Amino acid sequence: MSAEATLVVTRGGGFSDRLRAYKILVNGVEKVEIKAKSRVEIPVSADAHMVQATIDWTSSNFLLVTLAPGEVAEIEVSNTFGAWRAIWAISFGARNYLTLKQV
């Protein structure tokens, strides 16, 4: 069994989606929901993990994070398009409506 590591996901307080939570998936399994202006910690095994964020039928890019035992990876999730381009984004930008980046 692999030793534990931690994914720390933060979300700012932008106008888009501020009243709704994003779901954070690790290896295709929903682990937590994160609200605006929040930070969550997800314990995971020390290994490679595919991380994704979703809201409704839209999602983020996949982010591959490889962690050593005891390591902490900081990830930010945000709305890619903002409130002004929301209609276009949910129609044509559904696969990259949200953005994940390791910081």
Protein backbone atom coordinates (compact mmCIF):
# COMPACT_ATOMS: atom_id res chain seq x y z
CA MET A 1 0.00 0.00 0.00
CA SER A 2 1.29 3.44 -0.92
CA ALA A 3 2.01 6.06 1.70
CA GLU A 4 -0.32 9.05 1.89
CA ALA A 5 0.04 12.40 0.18
CA THR A 6 -2.33 15.37 -0.06
CA LEU A 7 -4.04 17.36 -2.80
CA VAL A 8 -4.98 20.87 -1.69
CA VAL A 9 -7.56 22.52 -3.96
CA THR A 10 -8.35 26.23 -3.70
CA ARG A 11 -11.06 28.25 -5.38
CA GLY A 12 -11.23 32.02 -5.58
CA GLY A 13 -14.31 34.14 -5.21
CA GLY A 14 -15.01 35.27 -8.76
CA PHE A 15 -18.51 36.24 -9.88
CA SER A 16 -19.07 33.19 -12.11
CA ASP A 17 -20.65 30.23 -10.35
CA ARG A 18 -20.17 31.90 -6.96
CA LEU A 19 -23.34 30.36 -5.54
CA ARG A 20 -22.57 26.84 -6.73
CA ALA A 21 -20.04 24.19 -5.78
CA TYR A 22 -17.59 22.49 -8.13
CA LYS A 23 -17.08 18.74 -7.80
CA ILE A 24 -13.47 17.55 -7.63
CA LEU A 25 -12.79 14.11 -9.10
CA VAL A 26 -9.63 12.09 -8.54
CA ASN A 27 -9.12 9.22 -10.96
CA GLY A 28 -12.74 9.55 -12.07
CA VAL A 29 -14.21 9.34 -8.56
CA GLU A 30 -15.89 12.34 -6.92
CA LYS A 31 -13.99 13.18 -3.73
CA VAL A 32 -15.26 16.59 -2.55
CA GLU A 33 -17.24 19.66 -3.49
CA ILE A 34 -15.64 23.08 -3.24
CA LYS A 35 -17.51 26.35 -2.84
CA ALA A 36 -16.33 29.84 -3.79
CA LYS A 37 -13.56 31.28 -1.58
CA SER A 38 -12.74 27.82 -0.21
CA ARG A 39 -9.86 25.42 0.29
CA VAL A 40 -10.17 21.65 0.62
CA GLU A 41 -7.64 18.93 1.38
CA ILE A 42 -7.93 15.51 -0.23
CA PRO A 43 -5.82 12.66 1.15
CA VAL A 44 -4.56 10.41 -1.64
CA SER A 45 -1.97 7.70 -2.07
CA ALA A 46 1.54 8.66 -3.09
CA ASP A 47 1.18 7.97 -6.80
CA ALA A 48 0.05 9.55 -10.07
CA HIS A 49 -3.51 10.88 -10.08
CA MET A 50 -5.81 12.38 -12.72
CA VAL A 51 -7.68 15.34 -11.24
CA GLN A 52 -10.72 17.00 -12.84
CA ALA A 53 -13.36 19.53 -11.77
CA THR A 54 -16.99 19.47 -12.92
CA ILE A 55 -20.17 21.47 -12.62
CA ASP A 56 -23.33 20.20 -14.31
CA TRP A 57 -22.38 18.84 -17.76
CA THR A 58 -19.24 20.98 -18.03
CA SER A 59 -15.76 20.16 -16.81
CA SER A 60 -12.13 21.16 -16.62
CA ASN A 61 -9.05 19.87 -18.30
CA PHE A 62 -7.51 16.73 -16.78
CA LEU A 63 -4.53 17.49 -14.58
CA LEU A 64 -1.97 14.75 -13.94
CA VAL A 65 -0.41 15.11 -10.50
CA THR A 66 2.34 12.77 -9.30
CA LEU A 67 3.00 12.77 -5.57
CA ALA A 68 5.73 11.28 -3.41
CA PRO A 69 4.98 10.06 0.15
CA GLY A 70 4.15 13.03 2.39
CA GLU A 71 4.07 15.48 -0.54
CA VAL A 72 1.40 18.17 -0.87
CA ALA A 73 0.24 19.40 -4.29
CA GLU A 74 -1.51 22.78 -4.52
CA ILE A 75 -4.16 23.08 -7.25
CA GLU A 76 -6.32 26.06 -8.21
CA VAL A 77 -9.73 25.69 -9.86
CA SER A 78 -11.42 28.57 -11.64
CA ASN A 79 -14.00 29.40 -14.28
CA THR A 80 -12.20 29.73 -17.62
CA PHE A 81 -14.57 32.14 -19.31
CA GLY A 82 -16.16 34.36 -16.68
CA ALA A 83 -19.77 35.48 -16.46
CA TRP A 84 -19.84 37.48 -19.70
CA ARG A 85 -19.14 34.50 -21.96
CA ALA A 86 -21.16 31.93 -20.01
CA ILE A 87 -23.67 31.09 -22.77
CA TRP A 88 -20.92 30.40 -25.30
CA ALA A 89 -18.90 28.52 -22.71
CA ILE A 90 -21.61 26.07 -21.67
CA SER A 91 -22.45 25.39 -25.32
CA PHE A 92 -19.10 25.18 -27.06
CA GLY A 93 -16.57 25.25 -24.24
CA ALA A 94 -18.08 22.54 -22.05
CA ARG A 95 -14.87 20.48 -21.90
CA ASN A 96 -12.83 23.44 -20.68
CA TYR A 97 -15.45 25.50 -18.82
CA LEU A 98 -13.30 25.15 -15.69
CA THR A 99 -9.52 25.38 -15.43
CA LEU A 100 -7.26 23.39 -13.11
CA LYS A 101 -3.65 24.36 -12.61
CA GLN A 102 -0.97 23.23 -10.26
CA VAL A 103 0.69 26.09 -8.38
